[in-house]
Amino acid sequence: MSDVKKARNKAISGFRVRVEHAIGGLKRFGIATEKCRNKDDKFNDQVMAISCGLWNYHLKCCRIRSWIEAVIRSFLIISQQV
């Protein structure tokens, strides 16, 4: 396989992994995976939108928490060196 095709496949597979992780995270809420017996299509769209919003909120909070932990670790390392 040529280097161009390898680079293209690597880019596509990296994107695919991110999409699959997003879908998996969305399914953790359960409501997006269960059969909804409501006849109104608009309700189904609202359920999916709320589930996506909750998952995005979860990801945002995790990023902030990991950033705060990294700052605290850096501060502790600096304070031990002094």
C-alpha atoms as a PDB file:
ATOM      1  CA  MET A   1       0.000   0.000   0.000  1.00  0.00           C
ATOM      2  CA  SER A   2       1.339   3.441  -0.851  1.00  0.00           C
ATOM      3  CA  ASP A   3       2.230   6.014   1.792  1.00  0.00           C
ATOM      4  CA  VAL A   4      -0.621   8.236   0.642  1.00  0.00           C
ATOM      5  CA  LYS A   5      -3.182   5.469   1.123  1.00  0.00           C
ATOM      6  CA  LYS A   6      -1.719   4.587   4.524  1.00  0.00           C
ATOM      7  CA  ALA A   7      -1.981   8.202   5.681  1.00  0.00           C
ATOM      8  CA  ARG A   8      -5.543   8.441   4.363  1.00  0.00           C
ATOM      9  CA  ASN A   9      -6.560   5.200   6.120  1.00  0.00           C
ATOM     10  CA  LYS A  10      -4.972   6.390   9.365  1.00  0.00           C
ATOM     11  CA  ALA A  11      -6.922   9.662   9.219  1.00  0.00           C
ATOM     12  CA  ILE A  12     -10.183   7.867   8.465  1.00  0.00           C
ATOM     13  CA  SER A  13      -9.681   5.270  11.212  1.00  0.00           C
ATOM     14  CA  GLY A  14      -8.862   7.980  13.759  1.00  0.00           C
ATOM     15  CA  PHE A  15     -12.074   9.812  12.891  1.00  0.00           C
ATOM     16  CA  ARG A  16     -14.072   6.580  12.991  1.00  0.00           C
ATOM     17  CA  VAL A  17     -12.790   5.760  16.480  1.00  0.00           C
ATOM     18  CA  ARG A  18     -13.886   9.170  17.773  1.00  0.00           C
ATOM     19  CA  VAL A  19     -17.350   8.715  16.265  1.00  0.00           C
ATOM     20  CA  GLU A  20     -17.690   5.211  17.721  1.00  0.00           C
ATOM     21  CA  HIS A  21     -16.671   6.476  21.167  1.00  0.00           C
ATOM     22  CA  ALA A  22     -19.257   9.256  20.925  1.00  0.00           C
ATOM     23  CA  ILE A  23     -22.000   6.783  19.997  1.00  0.00           C
ATOM     24  CA  GLY A  24     -20.919   4.456  22.807  1.00  0.00           C
ATOM     25  CA  GLY A  25     -21.000   7.312  25.295  1.00  0.00           C
ATOM     26  CA  LEU A  26     -24.449   8.309  24.135  1.00  0.00           C
ATOM     27  CA  LYS A  27     -25.694   4.749  24.596  1.00  0.00           C
ATOM     28  CA  ARG A  28     -24.585   4.805  28.234  1.00  0.00           C
ATOM     29  CA  PHE A  29     -27.624   6.914  29.017  1.00  0.00           C
ATOM     30  CA  GLY A  30     -29.847   3.995  28.037  1.00  0.00           C
ATOM     31  CA  ILE A  31     -32.721   6.180  26.914  1.00  0.00           C
ATOM     32  CA  ALA A  32     -31.104   6.491  23.488  1.00  0.00           C
ATOM     33  CA  THR A  33     -30.915   2.708  23.105  1.00  0.00           C
ATOM     34  CA  GLU A  34     -34.304   1.646  24.444  1.00  0.00           C
ATOM     35  CA  LYS A  35     -37.325   1.292  22.206  1.00  0.00           C
ATOM     36  CA  CYS A  36     -39.458   4.403  22.485  1.00  0.00           C
ATOM     37  CA  ARG A  37     -43.120   3.623  21.974  1.00  0.00           C
ATOM     38  CA  ASN A  38     -44.149   7.212  21.519  1.00  0.00           C
ATOM     39  CA  LYS A  39     -45.837   7.890  18.175  1.00  0.00           C
ATOM     40  CA  ASP A  40     -44.584  11.471  17.911  1.00  0.00           C
ATOM     41  CA  ASP A  41     -41.358  11.697  15.877  1.00  0.00           C
ATOM     42  CA  LYS A  42     -40.661  15.127  17.340  1.00  0.00           C
ATOM     43  CA  PHE A  43     -40.448  13.580  20.820  1.00  0.00           C
ATOM     44  CA  ASN A  44     -37.864  11.042  19.629  1.00  0.00           C
ATOM     45  CA  ASP A  45     -35.737  13.883  18.236  1.00  0.00           C
ATOM     46  CA  GLN A  46     -36.010  15.749  21.537  1.00  0.00           C
ATOM     47  CA  VAL A  47     -34.921  12.653  23.476  1.00  0.00           C
ATOM     48  CA  MET A  48     -31.876  12.265  21.228  1.00  0.00           C
ATOM     49  CA  ALA A  49     -31.018  15.970  21.494  1.00  0.00           C
ATOM     50  CA  ILE A  50     -31.226  15.879  25.291  1.00  0.00           C
ATOM     51  CA  SER A  51     -29.108  12.719  25.449  1.00  0.00           C
ATOM     52  CA  CYS A  52     -26.474  14.280  23.188  1.00  0.00           C
ATOM     53  CA  GLY A  53     -26.483  17.437  25.281  1.00  0.00           C
ATOM     54  CA  LEU A  54     -26.007  15.462  28.494  1.00  0.00           C
ATOM     55  CA  TRP A  55     -23.135  13.494  26.977  1.00  0.00           C
ATOM     56  CA  ASN A  56     -21.437  16.685  25.737  1.00  0.00           C
ATOM     57  CA  TYR A  57     -21.858  18.223  29.191  1.00  0.00           C
ATOM     58  CA  HIS A  58     -20.263  15.127  30.734  1.00  0.00           C
ATOM     59  CA  LEU A  59     -17.285  15.369  28.366  1.00  0.00           C
ATOM     60  CA  LYS A  60     -16.858  19.070  29.094  1.00  0.00           C
ATOM     61  CA  CYS A  61     -16.859  18.481  32.864  1.00  0.00           C
ATOM     62  CA  CYS A  62     -14.307  15.676  32.558  1.00  0.00           C
ATOM     63  CA  ARG A  63     -11.958  17.895  30.548  1.00  0.00           C
ATOM     64  CA  ILE A  64     -12.200  20.678  33.113  1.00  0.00           C
ATOM     65  CA  ARG A  65     -11.652  18.238  35.981  1.00  0.00           C
ATOM     66  CA  SER A  66      -8.557  16.715  34.315  1.00  0.00           C
ATOM     67  CA  TRP A  67      -7.190  20.214  33.621  1.00  0.00           C
ATOM     68  CA  ILE A  68      -7.641  21.186  37.288  1.00  0.00           C
ATOM     69  CA  GLU A  69      -5.928  17.971  38.419  1.00  0.00           C
ATOM     70  CA  ALA A  70      -2.988  18.686  36.084  1.00  0.00           C
ATOM     71  CA  VAL A  71      -2.636  22.220  37.494  1.00  0.00           C
ATOM     72  CA  ILE A  72      -2.704  20.889  41.063  1.00  0.00           C
ATOM     73  CA  ARG A  73      -0.082  18.248  40.227  1.00  0.00           C
ATOM     74  CA  SER A  74       2.148  20.883  38.636  1.00  0.00           C
ATOM     75  CA  PHE A  75       1.751  23.119  41.676  1.00  0.00           C
ATOM     76  CA  LEU A  76       2.674  20.258  44.016  1.00  0.00           C
ATOM     77  CA  ILE A  77       5.769  19.401  41.976  1.00  0.00           C
ATOM     78  CA  ILE A  78       6.892  23.038  41.958  1.00  0.00           C
ATOM     79  CA  SER A  79       6.257  23.434  45.697  1.00  0.00           C
ATOM     80  CA  GLN A  80       8.307  20.278  46.469  1.00  0.00           C
ATOM     81  CA  GLN A  81      11.263  21.629  44.495  1.00  0.00           C
ATOM     82  CA  VAL A  82      11.365  24.865  46.493  1.00  0.00           C
END
